[in-house]
Amino acid sequence: MSGVATSTRTVDGPAGPLTVRVTGEPAADGALVLLHPINTAGSVWEHVSAALDLPTVALDLRGHGTSTTAGPFSIEDGWLPDVVAVLDALGLRTVHLAGGSLGGSIALAAAALHPQRVLGVATFGSTLGVGAPDEAIEAMVSELRAQGTAGYFAGLLPGIVGSAFRTEPRVVDGLAAAAGTRDEEVVAGILHGAFRADIRHLAGRVGVPVLAATGTEDPTCPPAMTAEIAAATGTEPVFLDGIGHLPMLEVPERVAALITEHVEATR
């Protein structure tokens, strides 16, 4: 919402304080809650929020941004309870959820486990489960420890966004700011939790409308993973040509338009 003030609040979460950014005045029923990708923060939705004609709520999940660094780092026992705590603290009875990557997986789990509170889900570059083997996760953690948090995320950027956006300041600066300078062991715990996560057992319980979108150049959660989400939730996948893993930073206006269309269709 361009020109509308954003306030930052602190909510008591189950593992510690959670940072929440609220743009506009979300209603108790039908609010839009934005869930960020792994190892970013709620700030990655800043440009999407500005392009939306809707109030938004964007939180920093535990281990991310300026929220608590306490675990556990898992969908059902960690990050989903954070989302529920924010809804309760802000008095949000029913919501639309939009999530990128890990955030989309959490949104789908919320729809399955809290169906009375979720009106619809939009996912961007998400998955029901990466299925990364332990040795691949350990290789990521080893690289993280060798390069440090800042170096690790700086090195990731060229490979995870679309080729046309690798030097785009909005993308480069936005990812750097969202990734932050967190402790390496916190990031290692997040990598273990996210890349081992699997919510396929919950997919059949998602009974709300789902938008499953992804970039055609997404290497982290490639298009086949979004196609699996779409098939499991009875919808058709939406493919964004030339876009990578961070469409909310790469093409925020396009993401805002897709979210708006999806929210209006569920009313």
Protein backbone atom coordinates (compact mmCIF):
# COMPACT_ATOMS: atom_id res chain seq x y z
CA MET A 1 0.00 0.00 0.00
CA SER A 2 2.01 2.92 -1.29
CA GLY A 3 1.96 5.89 1.05
CA VAL A 4 0.50 3.88 3.94
CA ALA A 5 2.59 3.71 7.09
CA THR A 6 4.17 0.46 8.23
CA SER A 7 4.55 -0.13 11.95
CA THR A 8 6.88 -2.64 13.57
CA ARG A 9 5.61 -4.57 16.56
CA THR A 10 6.92 -7.28 18.85
CA VAL A 11 4.75 -10.29 19.61
CA ASP A 12 5.37 -12.90 22.29
CA GLY A 13 5.91 -16.15 20.41
CA PRO A 14 6.15 -19.66 21.84
CA ALA A 15 9.97 -19.57 21.71
CA GLY A 16 10.52 -15.85 22.26
CA PRO A 17 9.79 -12.45 20.73
CA LEU A 18 8.72 -12.21 17.10
CA THR A 19 9.06 -9.10 14.95
CA VAL A 20 5.99 -8.19 12.90
CA ARG A 21 5.56 -5.47 10.26
CA VAL A 22 2.00 -4.25 9.81
CA THR A 23 1.06 -2.10 6.82
CA GLY A 24 -2.33 -0.39 7.00
CA GLU A 25 -5.05 -1.70 9.26
CA PRO A 26 -5.69 -5.44 8.73
CA ALA A 27 -9.22 -6.58 9.50
CA ALA A 28 -9.93 -9.37 11.96
CA ASP A 29 -11.38 -11.43 9.14
CA GLY A 30 -9.67 -11.69 5.76
CA ALA A 31 -6.27 -10.15 6.57
CA LEU A 32 -3.31 -10.93 4.31
CA VAL A 33 -0.31 -12.46 6.08
CA LEU A 34 3.01 -12.78 4.23
CA LEU A 35 5.51 -15.53 5.10
CA HIS A 36 9.09 -15.11 3.92
CA PRO A 37 11.47 -17.64 2.33
CA ILE A 38 14.17 -19.46 4.27
CA ASN A 39 16.99 -17.28 5.59
CA THR A 40 15.36 -13.99 4.67
CA ALA A 41 12.90 -11.90 6.71
CA GLY A 42 9.55 -10.18 6.48
CA SER A 43 11.25 -7.22 4.81
CA VAL A 44 11.46 -9.12 1.50
CA TRP A 45 7.74 -8.38 1.07
CA GLU A 46 8.21 -4.61 1.33
CA HIS A 47 7.80 -3.93 -2.40
CA VAL A 48 4.88 -6.34 -2.71
CA SER A 49 3.10 -4.63 0.18
CA ALA A 50 3.65 -1.27 -1.50
CA ALA A 51 2.09 -2.57 -4.73
CA LEU A 52 -0.94 -4.09 -3.00
CA ASP A 53 -4.17 -2.25 -2.27
CA LEU A 54 -4.52 -4.41 0.84
CA PRO A 55 -3.26 -4.15 4.42
CA THR A 56 -0.55 -6.71 5.14
CA VAL A 57 1.15 -8.44 8.03
CA ALA A 58 4.70 -9.73 7.52
CA LEU A 59 6.53 -11.47 10.34
CA ASP A 60 10.10 -12.58 10.92
CA LEU A 61 9.91 -16.30 11.67
CA ARG A 62 12.06 -17.61 14.53
CA GLY A 63 15.73 -17.66 13.60
CA HIS A 64 15.19 -14.90 11.04
CA GLY A 65 15.36 -11.12 10.97
CA THR A 66 15.13 -9.67 14.46
CA SER A 67 12.93 -12.39 15.95
CA THR A 68 14.10 -14.89 18.55
CA THR A 69 16.92 -17.21 17.54
CA ALA A 70 15.61 -20.05 19.71
CA GLY A 71 14.50 -23.29 18.06
CA PRO A 72 13.18 -25.74 17.25
CA PHE A 73 13.50 -25.00 13.56
CA SER A 74 10.75 -27.08 11.99
CA ILE A 75 7.42 -26.39 10.30
CA GLU A 76 4.92 -28.12 12.58
CA ASP A 77 6.71 -27.60 15.91
CA GLY A 78 8.39 -24.26 15.30
CA TRP A 79 7.48 -21.91 12.49
CA LEU A 80 3.77 -22.71 12.25
CA PRO A 81 3.25 -22.02 16.00
CA ASP A 82 4.96 -18.66 15.39
CA VAL A 83 2.37 -17.80 12.74
CA VAL A 84 -0.51 -18.81 15.00
CA ALA A 85 0.93 -16.73 17.84
CA VAL A 86 1.03 -13.65 15.59
CA LEU A 87 -2.57 -14.19 14.45
CA ASP A 88 -3.70 -14.48 18.05
CA ALA A 89 -1.73 -11.46 19.23
CA LEU A 90 -3.09 -9.25 16.44
CA GLY A 91 -6.64 -10.54 16.79
CA LEU A 92 -6.74 -12.01 13.28
CA ARG A 93 -9.47 -14.65 13.18
CA THR A 94 -9.28 -15.63 9.51
CA VAL A 95 -6.49 -14.86 7.04
CA HIS A 96 -5.20 -15.26 3.53
CA LEU A 97 -1.63 -16.57 3.56
CA ALA A 98 1.02 -15.91 0.93
CA GLY A 99 4.41 -17.54 1.30
CA GLY A 100 7.66 -17.78 -0.58
CA SER A 101 9.69 -20.99 -0.50
CA LEU A 102 9.63 -22.19 3.13
CA GLY A 103 6.89 -19.64 3.82
CA GLY A 104 4.65 -21.31 1.28
CA SER A 105 5.20 -24.70 2.88
CA ILE A 106 4.26 -23.22 6.25
CA ALA A 107 1.16 -21.63 4.72
CA LEU A 108 0.01 -24.99 3.33
CA ALA A 109 0.60 -26.64 6.71
CA ALA A 110 -1.45 -23.90 8.36
CA ALA A 111 -4.34 -24.50 5.97
CA ALA A 112 -4.22 -28.23 6.74
CA LEU A 113 -3.90 -27.96 10.51
CA HIS A 114 -5.91 -24.78 11.16
CA PRO A 115 -8.59 -24.90 8.45
CA GLN A 116 -10.96 -22.67 10.38
CA ARG A 117 -8.48 -19.78 10.22
CA VAL A 118 -7.15 -19.94 6.64
CA LEU A 119 -9.23 -18.69 3.70
CA GLY A 120 -6.69 -19.26 0.94
CA VAL A 121 -3.02 -19.89 0.26
CA ALA A 122 -0.65 -18.47 -2.36
CA THR A 123 2.76 -20.09 -2.73
CA PHE A 124 5.75 -18.77 -4.68
CA GLY A 125 8.64 -21.13 -5.36
CA SER A 126 7.58 -23.52 -2.62
CA THR A 127 7.63 -27.26 -2.06
CA LEU A 128 5.96 -30.08 -0.18
CA GLY A 129 9.44 -31.37 0.62
CA VAL A 130 12.89 -30.88 -0.87
CA GLY A 131 14.09 -34.32 0.12
CA ALA A 132 17.72 -33.21 0.39
CA PRO A 133 20.00 -36.01 1.59
CA ASP A 134 21.91 -35.44 4.82
CA GLU A 135 25.23 -35.22 3.01
CA ALA A 136 23.94 -32.37 0.83
CA ILE A 137 22.73 -30.46 3.90
CA GLU A 138 26.05 -31.02 5.65
CA ALA A 139 27.85 -29.68 2.58
CA MET A 140 25.78 -26.49 2.78
CA VAL A 141 26.54 -26.15 6.48
CA SER A 142 30.27 -26.67 5.88
CA GLU A 143 30.25 -23.95 3.24
CA LEU A 144 28.36 -21.66 5.59
CA ARG A 145 30.94 -22.14 8.34
CA ALA A 146 33.81 -21.62 5.92
CA GLN A 147 32.46 -18.39 4.43
CA GLY A 148 30.55 -16.90 7.34
CA THR A 149 26.94 -15.83 7.14
CA ALA A 150 27.42 -12.70 5.02
CA GLY A 151 29.77 -14.38 2.57
CA TYR A 152 27.57 -17.45 2.28
CA PHE A 153 24.47 -15.48 1.31
CA ALA A 154 26.37 -13.14 -0.99
CA GLY A 155 27.65 -16.18 -2.86
CA LEU A 156 24.18 -17.68 -3.15
CA LEU A 157 22.54 -14.74 -4.91
CA PRO A 158 23.76 -15.26 -8.50
CA GLY A 159 22.47 -18.81 -8.51
CA ILE A 160 19.00 -18.40 -7.02
CA VAL A 161 17.45 -15.47 -8.88
CA GLY A 162 16.55 -15.10 -12.53
CA SER A 163 19.44 -14.22 -14.84
CA ALA A 164 18.00 -10.75 -15.55
CA PHE A 165 17.95 -9.82 -11.85
CA ARG A 166 21.39 -10.80 -10.57
CA THR A 167 22.66 -7.23 -10.40
CA GLU A 168 19.31 -5.53 -9.74
CA PRO A 169 19.84 -3.34 -6.62
CA ARG A 170 16.36 -4.09 -5.28
CA VAL A 171 17.19 -7.80 -5.34
CA VAL A 172 20.83 -7.64 -4.21
CA ASP A 173 20.24 -5.13 -1.43
CA GLY A 174 16.92 -6.65 -0.42
CA LEU A 175 18.39 -10.12 0.04
CA ALA A 176 21.43 -8.83 1.91
CA ALA A 177 19.26 -6.83 4.30
CA ALA A 178 16.84 -9.71 4.87
CA ALA A 179 19.54 -12.37 5.35
CA GLY A 180 21.30 -10.22 7.94
CA THR A 181 24.32 -11.27 9.99
CA ARG A 182 22.89 -14.03 12.13
CA ASP A 183 24.96 -16.56 14.05
CA GLU A 184 26.22 -19.37 11.83
CA GLU A 185 24.84 -22.06 14.13
CA VAL A 186 21.34 -20.55 13.94
CA VAL A 187 21.50 -20.59 10.15
CA ALA A 188 22.85 -24.15 10.24
CA GLY A 189 19.87 -25.23 12.34
CA ILE A 190 17.50 -23.56 9.88
CA LEU A 191 19.14 -25.32 6.93
CA HIS A 192 18.72 -28.68 8.65
CA GLY A 193 15.10 -27.98 9.55
CA ALA A 194 13.99 -26.58 6.21
CA PHE A 195 15.72 -29.01 3.87
CA ARG A 196 14.56 -32.02 5.88
CA ALA A 197 10.96 -30.76 6.08
CA ASP A 198 8.23 -32.73 4.32
CA ILE A 199 4.52 -31.86 4.48
CA ARG A 200 3.23 -34.32 1.90
CA HIS A 201 1.22 -36.01 4.65
CA LEU A 202 -0.71 -32.74 5.07
CA ALA A 203 -1.33 -31.84 1.43
CA GLY A 204 -4.56 -33.84 1.16
CA ARG A 205 -6.00 -31.89 4.08
CA VAL A 206 -5.68 -28.50 2.39
CA GLY A 207 -9.27 -27.62 1.54
CA VAL A 208 -8.92 -23.93 0.61
CA PRO A 209 -8.13 -22.39 -2.79
CA VAL A 210 -4.42 -22.53 -3.59
CA LEU A 211 -2.33 -20.45 -5.97
CA ALA A 212 0.88 -22.34 -6.76
CA ALA A 213 3.30 -20.09 -8.66
CA THR A 214 7.00 -20.36 -9.39
CA GLY A 215 9.74 -18.94 -11.56
CA THR A 216 10.94 -20.97 -14.52
CA GLU A 217 14.55 -20.24 -13.46
CA ASP A 218 14.11 -21.29 -9.82
CA PRO A 219 16.91 -23.79 -9.01
CA THR A 220 16.16 -24.12 -5.29
CA CYS A 221 12.53 -25.24 -5.56
CA PRO A 222 12.30 -25.96 -9.30
CA PRO A 223 9.01 -25.84 -11.22
CA ALA A 224 8.38 -29.57 -10.73
CA MET A 225 7.93 -28.91 -7.00
CA THR A 226 5.25 -26.30 -7.65
CA ALA A 227 3.59 -28.67 -10.10
CA GLU A 228 3.45 -31.22 -7.27
CA ILE A 229 1.80 -28.66 -4.97
CA ALA A 230 -0.75 -27.85 -7.65
CA ALA A 231 -1.55 -31.51 -8.30
CA ALA A 232 -1.92 -32.25 -4.58
CA THR A 233 -4.24 -29.28 -3.98
CA GLY A 234 -6.38 -29.49 -7.12
CA THR A 235 -5.16 -26.42 -8.97
CA GLU A 236 -3.04 -25.51 -11.98
CA PRO A 237 0.52 -24.26 -11.55
CA VAL A 238 1.47 -20.74 -12.64
CA PHE A 239 4.92 -20.37 -14.20
CA LEU A 240 6.69 -17.00 -14.27
CA ASP A 241 9.07 -16.87 -17.22
CA GLY A 242 12.63 -15.84 -16.44
CA ILE A 243 12.04 -15.52 -12.71
CA GLY A 244 14.08 -17.28 -10.05
CA HIS A 245 13.57 -18.17 -6.40
CA LEU A 246 12.72 -14.71 -5.07
CA PRO A 247 9.83 -13.36 -7.17
CA MET A 248 8.77 -11.04 -4.34
CA LEU A 249 12.03 -9.16 -4.91
CA GLU A 250 12.43 -9.80 -8.63
CA VAL A 251 8.92 -8.88 -9.82
CA PRO A 252 6.98 -7.53 -6.82
CA GLU A 253 4.25 -5.91 -8.92
CA ARG A 254 3.55 -9.22 -10.67
CA VAL A 255 3.43 -11.03 -7.33
CA ALA A 256 1.10 -8.37 -5.92
CA ALA A 257 -1.23 -8.77 -8.90
CA LEU A 258 -1.35 -12.55 -8.49
CA ILE A 259 -2.05 -12.28 -4.77
CA THR A 260 -4.78 -9.70 -5.33
CA GLU A 261 -6.48 -11.86 -7.95
CA HIS A 262 -6.30 -14.89 -5.69
CA VAL A 263 -7.65 -13.08 -2.62
CA GLU A 264 -10.54 -11.60 -4.60
CA ALA A 265 -11.42 -15.02 -6.02
CA THR A 266 -11.78 -16.47 -2.54
CA ARG A 267 -14.15 -13.82 -1.25
